[in-house]
Amino acid sequence: MFFKYFNKFEAEVRIFLCFIKDEKEEEVMPSANIIFAATCWLCSLIFGAIALWAFKRKDPMHFWSGTTVKPEEITDIPSYNRANGLMWTIYAICMVVTGILSLFSIIIGTILLVIICLPRIAVLIFAYNRIYNKYKSESVSYKTNESISKVPKSVNIAIVLITAIILIVVGALFFYGEKDPDISIHDDCIEIRGMYGLNIYFSEITEISLIDKSAKDIDFGIRTNGYGGMGGALKGNFKSDTLGETLLFVQSKSSPIIKIERTDKKDVYISLRDSKSTEQLYRELLRNIPLK
């Protein structure tokens, strides 16, 4: 049931993105970007809920799960709770921004998540200790020092698990991006499955050629809406002064490259990690596709 509604939501998001950008079919954001952004926004909702809880509380807000802060420990409970709410709000906003940027570039979203959001767990601990020390009552200082200096074992385990899950998700997205696309030839189209995948219909193909160069030897220009990971894969929409707008599914160090020219649409470039597989795909395309 969950996946049924998620697929419906994803389809509606894709339609909306097409509408606001007025772009062609292949420029619709891929599923990986949408899933990554949705994960960030889900986390932001959790942090936002914690922030709202802090703003609304009458008794002092606590930081560690399973612990409490006694009213006599805090000199100004409303100000203390507002400071905690602001802290969690800022963290939630960081996750929202990460999700928005990941829609346009999953690499940027990943960098923000790993470099900014994960270290902010330590920043949150530091910020909370600053807030607590600012509003703590001196009369119970001996209690507060003990309560904030020792991190519960369950919290350490939770932090490790959350970090591991996020790194696994990021690693899976990198694997998905670096992986060669699955390419099938049907009766009326070429189906490219994977990140930025699409169907290329025979009726729109004007020419198929084999270029004896690698992507690093060709000026594809800048990435406008695409993927360019550390492993050398280039996928998605690129633009250069010499070639114009192109759609890539290539390995930057692999040659040759298949070029598929289309009527009134972007040229598509394909190269697989194994050069022999690229050459075999080229022969299959020529054998199965009637060119104009």
C-alpha atoms as a PDB file:
ATOM      1  CA  MET A   1       0.000   0.000   0.000  1.00  0.00           C
ATOM      2  CA  PHE A   2       2.862   2.399   0.878  1.00  0.00           C
ATOM      3  CA  PHE A   3       4.629   1.834  -2.449  1.00  0.00           C
ATOM      4  CA  LYS A   4       1.367   2.331  -4.335  1.00  0.00           C
ATOM      5  CA  TYR A   5       0.905   5.810  -2.882  1.00  0.00           C
ATOM      6  CA  PHE A   6       4.622   6.603  -3.164  1.00  0.00           C
ATOM      7  CA  ASN A   7       4.603   5.784  -6.895  1.00  0.00           C
ATOM      8  CA  LYS A   8       1.525   7.962  -7.344  1.00  0.00           C
ATOM      9  CA  PHE A   9       3.225  10.807  -5.460  1.00  0.00           C
ATOM     10  CA  GLU A  10       6.391  10.435  -7.553  1.00  0.00           C
ATOM     11  CA  ALA A  11       4.395  10.578 -10.802  1.00  0.00           C
ATOM     12  CA  GLU A  12       2.623  13.746  -9.660  1.00  0.00           C
ATOM     13  CA  VAL A  13       5.952  15.345  -8.699  1.00  0.00           C
ATOM     14  CA  ARG A  14       7.366  14.555 -12.136  1.00  0.00           C
ATOM     15  CA  ILE A  15       4.353  16.112 -13.874  1.00  0.00           C
ATOM     16  CA  PHE A  16       4.681  19.206 -11.697  1.00  0.00           C
ATOM     17  CA  LEU A  17       8.387  19.544 -12.478  1.00  0.00           C
ATOM     18  CA  CYS A  18       7.662  19.282 -16.203  1.00  0.00           C
ATOM     19  CA  PHE A  19       5.030  21.995 -15.885  1.00  0.00           C
ATOM     20  CA  ILE A  20       7.098  24.548 -13.967  1.00  0.00           C
ATOM     21  CA  LYS A  21      10.227  24.064 -16.059  1.00  0.00           C
ATOM     22  CA  ASP A  22       8.554  23.565 -19.430  1.00  0.00           C
ATOM     23  CA  GLU A  23      11.317  21.101 -20.287  1.00  0.00           C
ATOM     24  CA  LYS A  24      11.416  18.066 -22.537  1.00  0.00           C
ATOM     25  CA  GLU A  25      10.778  14.563 -21.307  1.00  0.00           C
ATOM     26  CA  GLU A  26      14.403  13.581 -20.700  1.00  0.00           C
ATOM     27  CA  GLU A  27      14.994  16.586 -18.442  1.00  0.00           C
ATOM     28  CA  VAL A  28      12.528  15.427 -15.812  1.00  0.00           C
ATOM     29  CA  MET A  29      14.342  14.820 -12.565  1.00  0.00           C
ATOM     30  CA  PRO A  30      15.205  11.164 -11.950  1.00  0.00           C
ATOM     31  CA  SER A  31      13.772   8.988  -9.207  1.00  0.00           C
ATOM     32  CA  ALA A  32      17.052   9.014  -7.259  1.00  0.00           C
ATOM     33  CA  ASN A  33      16.890  12.807  -6.836  1.00  0.00           C
ATOM     34  CA  ILE A  34      13.261  12.669  -5.728  1.00  0.00           C
ATOM     35  CA  ILE A  35      13.872   9.842  -3.231  1.00  0.00           C
ATOM     36  CA  PHE A  36      16.955  11.601  -1.832  1.00  0.00           C
ATOM     37  CA  ALA A  37      15.053  14.888  -1.452  1.00  0.00           C
ATOM     38  CA  ALA A  38      12.042  13.150   0.111  1.00  0.00           C
ATOM     39  CA  THR A  39      14.344  11.502   2.675  1.00  0.00           C
ATOM     40  CA  CYS A  40      15.839  14.879   3.598  1.00  0.00           C
ATOM     41  CA  TRP A  41      12.395  16.448   3.909  1.00  0.00           C
ATOM     42  CA  LEU A  42      11.171  13.579   6.087  1.00  0.00           C
ATOM     43  CA  CYS A  43      14.109  14.207   8.426  1.00  0.00           C
ATOM     44  CA  SER A  44      13.308  17.931   8.400  1.00  0.00           C
ATOM     45  CA  LEU A  45       9.725  17.173   9.456  1.00  0.00           C
ATOM     46  CA  ILE A  46      11.022  15.168  12.415  1.00  0.00           C
ATOM     47  CA  PHE A  47      13.387  17.964  13.466  1.00  0.00           C
ATOM     48  CA  GLY A  48      10.639  20.536  12.877  1.00  0.00           C
ATOM     49  CA  ALA A  49       8.305  18.563  15.129  1.00  0.00           C
ATOM     50  CA  ILE A  50      10.956  18.537  17.856  1.00  0.00           C
ATOM     51  CA  ALA A  51      11.370  22.313  17.431  1.00  0.00           C
ATOM     52  CA  LEU A  52       7.612  22.876  17.723  1.00  0.00           C
ATOM     53  CA  TRP A  53       7.512  20.670  20.800  1.00  0.00           C
ATOM     54  CA  ALA A  54      10.267  22.744  22.377  1.00  0.00           C
ATOM     55  CA  PHE A  55       8.456  26.029  21.627  1.00  0.00           C
ATOM     56  CA  LYS A  56       5.173  24.729  23.097  1.00  0.00           C
ATOM     57  CA  ARG A  57       6.512  23.065  26.256  1.00  0.00           C
ATOM     58  CA  LYS A  58       5.825  24.548  29.679  1.00  0.00           C
ATOM     59  CA  ASP A  59       8.479  22.512  31.477  1.00  0.00           C
ATOM     60  CA  PRO A  60      12.143  22.516  30.396  1.00  0.00           C
ATOM     61  CA  MET A  61      13.001  20.811  27.113  1.00  0.00           C
ATOM     62  CA  HIS A  62      15.436  17.915  27.343  1.00  0.00           C
ATOM     63  CA  PHE A  63      17.987  16.871  24.727  1.00  0.00           C
ATOM     64  CA  TRP A  64      18.776  13.219  25.382  1.00  0.00           C
ATOM     65  CA  SER A  65      15.998  10.673  24.984  1.00  0.00           C
ATOM     66  CA  GLY A  66      14.976   9.146  28.294  1.00  0.00           C
ATOM     67  CA  THR A  67      16.306  12.040  30.369  1.00  0.00           C
ATOM     68  CA  THR A  68      14.568  14.974  32.021  1.00  0.00           C
ATOM     69  CA  VAL A  69      15.519  18.516  32.964  1.00  0.00           C
ATOM     70  CA  LYS A  70      13.971  19.565  36.262  1.00  0.00           C
ATOM     71  CA  PRO A  71      12.358  23.034  36.449  1.00  0.00           C
ATOM     72  CA  GLU A  72      14.616  24.018  39.353  1.00  0.00           C
ATOM     73  CA  GLU A  73      17.653  23.470  37.113  1.00  0.00           C
ATOM     74  CA  ILE A  74      16.635  26.314  34.731  1.00  0.00           C
ATOM     75  CA  THR A  75      16.390  30.008  35.620  1.00  0.00           C
ATOM     76  CA  ASP A  76      14.256  31.106  32.617  1.00  0.00           C
ATOM     77  CA  ILE A  77      12.269  28.181  31.214  1.00  0.00           C
ATOM     78  CA  PRO A  78      10.488  30.053  28.322  1.00  0.00           C
ATOM     79  CA  SER A  79      13.787  31.487  27.019  1.00  0.00           C
ATOM     80  CA  TYR A  80      15.504  28.140  27.474  1.00  0.00           C
ATOM     81  CA  ASN A  81      12.797  26.349  25.473  1.00  0.00           C
ATOM     82  CA  ARG A  82      12.829  29.022  22.729  1.00  0.00           C
ATOM     83  CA  ALA A  83      16.591  28.592  22.362  1.00  0.00           C
ATOM     84  CA  ASN A  84      16.147  24.846  22.027  1.00  0.00           C
ATOM     85  CA  GLY A  85      13.336  25.332  19.501  1.00  0.00           C
ATOM     86  CA  LEU A  86      15.486  27.711  17.440  1.00  0.00           C
ATOM     87  CA  MET A  87      18.353  25.218  17.461  1.00  0.00           C
ATOM     88  CA  TRP A  88      16.167  22.434  16.063  1.00  0.00           C
ATOM     89  CA  THR A  89      14.516  24.811  13.571  1.00  0.00           C
ATOM     90  CA  ILE A  90      17.896  25.739  12.074  1.00  0.00           C
ATOM     91  CA  TYR A  91      18.769  22.057  11.724  1.00  0.00           C
ATOM     92  CA  ALA A  92      15.410  21.362  10.046  1.00  0.00           C
ATOM     93  CA  ILE A  93      15.981  24.242   7.599  1.00  0.00           C
ATOM     94  CA  CYS A  94      19.395  22.783   6.697  1.00  0.00           C
ATOM     95  CA  MET A  95      17.694  19.505   5.766  1.00  0.00           C
ATOM     96  CA  VAL A  96      15.028  21.321   3.719  1.00  0.00           C
ATOM     97  CA  VAL A  97      17.681  23.231   1.750  1.00  0.00           C
ATOM     98  CA  THR A  98      19.651  20.019   1.209  1.00  0.00           C
ATOM     99  CA  GLY A  99      16.532  18.349  -0.194  1.00  0.00           C
ATOM    100  CA  ILE A 100      15.754  21.248  -2.543  1.00  0.00           C
ATOM    101  CA  LEU A 101      19.299  21.397  -3.922  1.00  0.00           C
ATOM    102  CA  SER A 102      19.429  17.615  -4.362  1.00  0.00           C
ATOM    103  CA  LEU A 103      16.505  17.858  -6.804  1.00  0.00           C
ATOM    104  CA  PHE A 104      18.793  19.730  -9.173  1.00  0.00           C
ATOM    105  CA  SER A 105      22.053  17.954  -8.315  1.00  0.00           C
ATOM    106  CA  ILE A 106      22.251  14.843  -6.202  1.00  0.00           C
ATOM    107  CA  ILE A 107      25.989  15.435  -5.828  1.00  0.00           C
ATOM    108  CA  ILE A 108      25.425  18.803  -4.152  1.00  0.00           C
ATOM    109  CA  GLY A 109      22.773  17.252  -1.911  1.00  0.00           C
ATOM    110  CA  THR A 110      25.116  14.439  -0.919  1.00  0.00           C
ATOM    111  CA  ILE A 111      27.961  16.847  -0.161  1.00  0.00           C
ATOM    112  CA  LEU A 112      25.695  18.982   2.008  1.00  0.00           C
ATOM    113  CA  LEU A 113      24.371  15.922   3.829  1.00  0.00           C
ATOM    114  CA  VAL A 114      27.799  14.434   4.530  1.00  0.00           C
ATOM    115  CA  ILE A 115      29.813  17.595   5.138  1.00  0.00           C
ATOM    116  CA  ILE A 116      27.218  19.847   6.771  1.00  0.00           C
ATOM    117  CA  CYS A 117      24.349  17.829   8.202  1.00  0.00           C
ATOM    118  CA  LEU A 118      26.193  14.864   9.707  1.00  0.00           C
ATOM    119  CA  PRO A 119      28.775  16.965  11.597  1.00  0.00           C
ATOM    120  CA  ARG A 120      25.873  19.065  12.877  1.00  0.00           C
ATOM    121  CA  ILE A 121      25.029  16.170  15.208  1.00  0.00           C
ATOM    122  CA  ALA A 122      28.143  17.125  17.153  1.00  0.00           C
ATOM    123  CA  VAL A 123      27.221  20.801  16.702  1.00  0.00           C
ATOM    124  CA  LEU A 124      23.780  20.115  18.197  1.00  0.00           C
ATOM    125  CA  ILE A 125      25.357  18.554  21.264  1.00  0.00           C
ATOM    126  CA  PHE A 126      27.690  21.532  21.635  1.00  0.00           C
ATOM    127  CA  ALA A 127      24.858  24.038  21.067  1.00  0.00           C
ATOM    128  CA  TYR A 128      22.588  22.349  23.596  1.00  0.00           C
ATOM    129  CA  ASN A 129      25.323  22.342  26.236  1.00  0.00           C
ATOM    130  CA  ARG A 130      25.817  26.072  25.610  1.00  0.00           C
ATOM    131  CA  ILE A 131      22.078  26.694  25.987  1.00  0.00           C
ATOM    132  CA  TYR A 132      21.880  24.572  29.112  1.00  0.00           C
ATOM    133  CA  ASN A 133      24.860  26.262  30.741  1.00  0.00           C
ATOM    134  CA  LYS A 134      23.452  29.686  29.881  1.00  0.00           C
ATOM    135  CA  TYR A 135      20.126  29.086  31.632  1.00  0.00           C
ATOM    136  CA  LYS A 136      21.115  26.658  34.373  1.00  0.00           C
ATOM    137  CA  SER A 137      20.626  27.587  37.970  1.00  0.00           C
ATOM    138  CA  GLU A 138      23.851  27.984  39.922  1.00  0.00           C
ATOM    139  CA  SER A 139      22.217  26.434  42.943  1.00  0.00           C
ATOM    140  CA  VAL A 140      22.099  23.027  41.234  1.00  0.00           C
ATOM    141  CA  SER A 141      25.285  23.301  39.223  1.00  0.00           C
ATOM    142  CA  TYR A 142      26.689  20.165  40.744  1.00  0.00           C
ATOM    143  CA  LYS A 143      23.781  18.201  39.245  1.00  0.00           C
ATOM    144  CA  THR A 144      23.903  19.759  35.790  1.00  0.00           C
ATOM    145  CA  ASN A 145      27.597  19.149  35.312  1.00  0.00           C
ATOM    146  CA  GLU A 146      27.006  15.466  35.916  1.00  0.00           C
ATOM    147  CA  SER A 147      23.939  15.315  33.682  1.00  0.00           C
ATOM    148  CA  ILE A 148      25.479  16.932  30.589  1.00  0.00           C
ATOM    149  CA  SER A 149      28.956  15.426  30.750  1.00  0.00           C
ATOM    150  CA  LYS A 150      27.947  11.819  30.295  1.00  0.00           C
ATOM    151  CA  VAL A 151      26.341  10.794  27.001  1.00  0.00           C
ATOM    152  CA  PRO A 152      24.031   7.793  27.424  1.00  0.00           C
ATOM    153  CA  LYS A 153      25.199   4.604  25.676  1.00  0.00           C
ATOM    154  CA  SER A 154      21.887   4.332  23.834  1.00  0.00           C
ATOM    155  CA  VAL A 155      22.444   7.804  22.337  1.00  0.00           C
ATOM    156  CA  ASN A 156      25.901   6.841  21.087  1.00  0.00           C
ATOM    157  CA  ILE A 157      24.441   3.716  19.496  1.00  0.00           C
ATOM    158  CA  ALA A 158      21.631   5.743  17.897  1.00  0.00           C
ATOM    159  CA  ILE A 159      24.100   8.264  16.443  1.00  0.00           C
ATOM    160  CA  VAL A 160      26.237   5.466  14.996  1.00  0.00           C
ATOM    161  CA  LEU A 161      23.189   3.728  13.496  1.00  0.00           C
ATOM    162  CA  ILE A 162      21.788   6.932  11.957  1.00  0.00           C
ATOM    163  CA  THR A 163      25.183   7.810  10.503  1.00  0.00           C
ATOM    164  CA  ALA A 164      25.590   4.287   9.108  1.00  0.00           C
ATOM    165  CA  ILE A 165      22.126   4.359   7.508  1.00  0.00           C
ATOM    166  CA  ILE A 166      22.763   7.717   5.862  1.00  0.00           C
ATOM    167  CA  LEU A 167      26.164   6.584   4.563  1.00  0.00           C
ATOM    168  CA  ILE A 168      24.588   3.401   3.191  1.00  0.00           C
ATOM    169  CA  VAL A 169      21.909   5.436   1.387  1.00  0.00           C
ATOM    170  CA  VAL A 170      24.532   7.809  -0.025  1.00  0.00           C
ATOM    171  CA  GLY A 171      26.700   4.862  -1.080  1.00  0.00           C
ATOM    172  CA  ALA A 172      23.729   3.198  -2.785  1.00  0.00           C
ATOM    173  CA  LEU A 173      22.977   6.399  -4.707  1.00  0.00           C
ATOM    174  CA  PHE A 174      26.604   6.638  -5.844  1.00  0.00           C
ATOM    175  CA  PHE A 175      26.483   3.003  -6.953  1.00  0.00           C
ATOM    176  CA  TYR A 176      23.263   3.701  -8.848  1.00  0.00           C
ATOM    177  CA  GLY A 177      24.846   6.709 -10.536  1.00  0.00           C
ATOM    178  CA  GLU A 178      28.087   4.950 -11.487  1.00  0.00           C
ATOM    179  CA  LYS A 179      26.364   1.814 -12.751  1.00  0.00           C
ATOM    180  CA  ASP A 180      26.074   1.312 -16.507  1.00  0.00           C
ATOM    181  CA  PRO A 181      22.500   1.849 -17.701  1.00  0.00           C
ATOM    182  CA  ASP A 182      20.439  -1.154 -18.749  1.00  0.00           C
ATOM    183  CA  ILE A 183      19.676  -0.779 -22.449  1.00  0.00           C
ATOM    184  CA  SER A 184      17.022  -2.797 -24.308  1.00  0.00           C
ATOM    185  CA  ILE A 185      15.938  -2.625 -27.930  1.00  0.00           C
ATOM    186  CA  HIS A 186      12.183  -3.071 -28.444  1.00  0.00           C
ATOM    187  CA  ASP A 187       9.995  -3.067 -31.536  1.00  0.00           C
ATOM    188  CA  ASP A 188       9.666   0.719 -31.671  1.00  0.00           C
ATOM    189  CA  CYS A 189      12.163   2.184 -29.234  1.00  0.00           C
ATOM    190  CA  ILE A 190      15.423   1.959 -27.318  1.00  0.00           C
ATOM    191  CA  GLU A 191      14.759   1.741 -23.597  1.00  0.00           C
ATOM    192  CA  ILE A 192      17.470   3.139 -21.313  1.00  0.00           C
ATOM    193  CA  ARG A 193      16.855   2.230 -17.668  1.00  0.00           C
ATOM    194  CA  GLY A 194      18.715   3.895 -14.838  1.00  0.00           C
ATOM    195  CA  MET A 195      19.488   7.416 -13.727  1.00  0.00           C
ATOM    196  CA  TYR A 196      18.068   9.871 -16.319  1.00  0.00           C
ATOM    197  CA  GLY A 197      16.695   6.929 -18.285  1.00  0.00           C
ATOM    198  CA  LEU A 198      14.276   7.406 -21.168  1.00  0.00           C
ATOM    199  CA  ASN A 199      12.797   5.780 -24.269  1.00  0.00           C
ATOM    200  CA  ILE A 200      14.272   6.770 -27.642  1.00  0.00           C
ATOM    201  CA  TYR A 201      11.726   6.013 -30.351  1.00  0.00           C
ATOM    202  CA  PHE A 202      12.915   4.819 -33.747  1.00  0.00           C
ATOM    203  CA  SER A 203      10.820   7.461 -35.490  1.00  0.00           C
ATOM    204  CA  GLU A 204      12.883  10.289 -33.993  1.00  0.00           C
ATOM    205  CA  ILE A 205      16.320   8.797 -34.758  1.00  0.00           C
ATOM    206  CA  THR A 206      18.093  10.251 -37.793  1.00  0.00           C
ATOM    207  CA  GLU A 207      21.570   8.741 -37.450  1.00  0.00           C
ATOM    208  CA  ILE A 208      23.620   6.402 -35.267  1.00  0.00           C
ATOM    209  CA  SER A 209      27.400   6.666 -35.343  1.00  0.00           C
ATOM    210  CA  LEU A 210      30.420   5.399 -33.412  1.00  0.00           C
ATOM    211  CA  ILE A 211      32.981   7.954 -32.203  1.00  0.00           C
ATOM    212  CA  ASP A 212      36.460   6.581 -31.535  1.00  0.00           C
ATOM    213  CA  LYS A 213      37.046   8.884 -28.569  1.00  0.00           C
ATOM    214  CA  SER A 214      36.361   8.919 -24.844  1.00  0.00           C
ATOM    215  CA  ALA A 215      34.176  11.503 -23.106  1.00  0.00           C
ATOM    216  CA  LYS A 216      37.221  13.286 -21.672  1.00  0.00           C
ATOM    217  CA  ASP A 217      38.366  13.971 -25.255  1.00  0.00           C
ATOM    218  CA  ILE A 218      35.028  15.546 -26.219  1.00  0.00           C
ATOM    219  CA  ASP A 219      33.843  18.950 -25.063  1.00  0.00           C
ATOM    220  CA  PHE A 220      30.451  18.172 -23.535  1.00  0.00           C
ATOM    221  CA  GLY A 221      30.626  21.431 -21.596  1.00  0.00           C
ATOM    222  CA  ILE A 222      28.885  21.966 -18.279  1.00  0.00           C
ATOM    223  CA  ARG A 223      26.334  19.812 -16.472  1.00  0.00           C
ATOM    224  CA  THR A 224      22.942  21.554 -16.454  1.00  0.00           C
ATOM    225  CA  ASN A 225      20.916  18.772 -14.802  1.00  0.00           C
ATOM    226  CA  GLY A 226      22.935  15.643 -14.454  1.00  0.00           C
ATOM    227  CA  TYR A 227      25.261  13.372 -12.543  1.00  0.00           C
ATOM    228  CA  GLY A 228      29.054  13.441 -12.518  1.00  0.00           C
ATOM    229  CA  GLY A 229      30.441  11.244  -9.786  1.00  0.00           C
ATOM    230  CA  MET A 230      33.970  10.504  -8.653  1.00  0.00           C
ATOM    231  CA  GLY A 231      33.927   7.177 -10.511  1.00  0.00           C
ATOM    232  CA  GLY A 232      33.913   8.786 -13.953  1.00  0.00           C
ATOM    233  CA  ALA A 233      30.277   8.295 -14.959  1.00  0.00           C
ATOM    234  CA  LEU A 234      28.540  11.220 -16.674  1.00  0.00           C
ATOM    235  CA  LYS A 235      24.758  11.060 -16.915  1.00  0.00           C
ATOM    236  CA  GLY A 236      22.006  13.516 -17.683  1.00  0.00           C
ATOM    237  CA  ASN A 237      21.855  16.877 -19.390  1.00  0.00           C
ATOM    238  CA  PHE A 238      24.980  18.750 -20.483  1.00  0.00           C
ATOM    239  CA  LYS A 239      25.540  21.854 -22.601  1.00  0.00           C
ATOM    240  CA  SER A 240      28.538  23.124 -24.551  1.00  0.00           C
ATOM    241  CA  ASP A 241      29.235  25.802 -27.157  1.00  0.00           C
ATOM    242  CA  THR A 242      30.334  23.214 -29.735  1.00  0.00           C
ATOM    243  CA  LEU A 243      27.769  20.420 -29.284  1.00  0.00           C
ATOM    244  CA  GLY A 244      24.895  22.367 -27.771  1.00  0.00           C
ATOM    245  CA  GLU A 245      22.578  20.474 -25.430  1.00  0.00           C
ATOM    246  CA  THR A 246      23.248  16.754 -25.080  1.00  0.00           C
ATOM    247  CA  LEU A 247      22.041  13.799 -23.036  1.00  0.00           C
ATOM    248  CA  LEU A 248      24.842  11.572 -21.733  1.00  0.00           C
ATOM    249  CA  PHE A 249      25.112   8.001 -20.493  1.00  0.00           C
ATOM    250  CA  VAL A 250      28.886   7.652 -20.679  1.00  0.00           C
ATOM    251  CA  GLN A 251      31.983   6.598 -18.795  1.00  0.00           C
ATOM    252  CA  SER A 252      34.475   9.444 -19.110  1.00  0.00           C
ATOM    253  CA  LYS A 253      37.498   7.198 -19.714  1.00  0.00           C
ATOM    254  CA  SER A 254      35.803   4.650 -21.947  1.00  0.00           C
ATOM    255  CA  SER A 255      35.852   4.639 -25.724  1.00  0.00           C
ATOM    256  CA  PRO A 256      34.303   4.393 -28.242  1.00  0.00           C
ATOM    257  CA  ILE A 257      31.073   6.362 -27.777  1.00  0.00           C
ATOM    258  CA  ILE A 258      27.766   5.773 -29.516  1.00  0.00           C
ATOM    259  CA  LYS A 259      26.094   8.931 -30.798  1.00  0.00           C
ATOM    260  CA  ILE A 260      22.348   8.860 -31.486  1.00  0.00           C
ATOM    261  CA  GLU A 261      21.074  11.906 -33.359  1.00  0.00           C
ATOM    262  CA  ARG A 262      17.376  12.766 -33.059  1.00  0.00           C
ATOM    263  CA  THR A 263      14.961  15.070 -34.807  1.00  0.00           C
ATOM    264  CA  ASP A 264      14.393  18.286 -32.802  1.00  0.00           C
ATOM    265  CA  LYS A 265      15.727  16.631 -29.658  1.00  0.00           C
ATOM    266  CA  LYS A 266      19.036  16.329 -27.865  1.00  0.00           C
ATOM    267  CA  ASP A 267      21.655  13.974 -29.233  1.00  0.00           C
ATOM    268  CA  VAL A 268      22.243  10.996 -26.952  1.00  0.00           C
ATOM    269  CA  TYR A 269      25.750   9.676 -26.208  1.00  0.00           C
ATOM    270  CA  ILE A 270      26.339   6.201 -24.765  1.00  0.00           C
ATOM    271  CA  SER A 271      29.514   4.419 -23.664  1.00  0.00           C
ATOM    272  CA  LEU A 272      29.780   1.461 -21.308  1.00  0.00           C
ATOM    273  CA  ARG A 273      32.678   0.552 -19.045  1.00  0.00           C
ATOM    274  CA  ASP A 274      33.612  -2.327 -21.330  1.00  0.00           C
ATOM    275  CA  SER A 275      34.545  -1.071 -24.812  1.00  0.00           C
ATOM    276  CA  LYS A 276      33.546  -4.390 -26.401  1.00  0.00           C
ATOM    277  CA  SER A 277      30.077  -4.094 -24.874  1.00  0.00           C
ATOM    278  CA  THR A 278      29.731  -0.617 -26.404  1.00  0.00           C
ATOM    279  CA  GLU A 279      30.750  -1.930 -29.832  1.00  0.00           C
ATOM    280  CA  GLN A 280      28.341  -4.860 -29.520  1.00  0.00           C
ATOM    281  CA  LEU A 281      25.505  -2.487 -28.574  1.00  0.00           C
ATOM    282  CA  TYR A 282      26.338  -0.326 -31.607  1.00  0.00           C
ATOM    283  CA  ARG A 283      26.088  -3.338 -33.955  1.00  0.00           C
ATOM    284  CA  GLU A 284      22.766  -4.360 -32.392  1.00  0.00           C
ATOM    285  CA  LEU A 285      21.390  -0.850 -32.859  1.00  0.00           C
ATOM    286  CA  LEU A 286      22.353  -0.793 -36.538  1.00  0.00           C
ATOM    287  CA  ARG A 287      20.890  -4.257 -37.071  1.00  0.00           C
ATOM    288  CA  ASN A 288      17.542  -3.555 -35.401  1.00  0.00           C
ATOM    289  CA  ILE A 289      16.787   0.108 -36.089  1.00  0.00           C
ATOM    290  CA  PRO A 290      15.589   1.268 -39.523  1.00  0.00           C
ATOM    291  CA  LEU A 291      17.205   4.668 -40.054  1.00  0.00           C
ATOM    292  CA  LYS A 292      15.582   7.427 -42.070  1.00  0.00           C
END
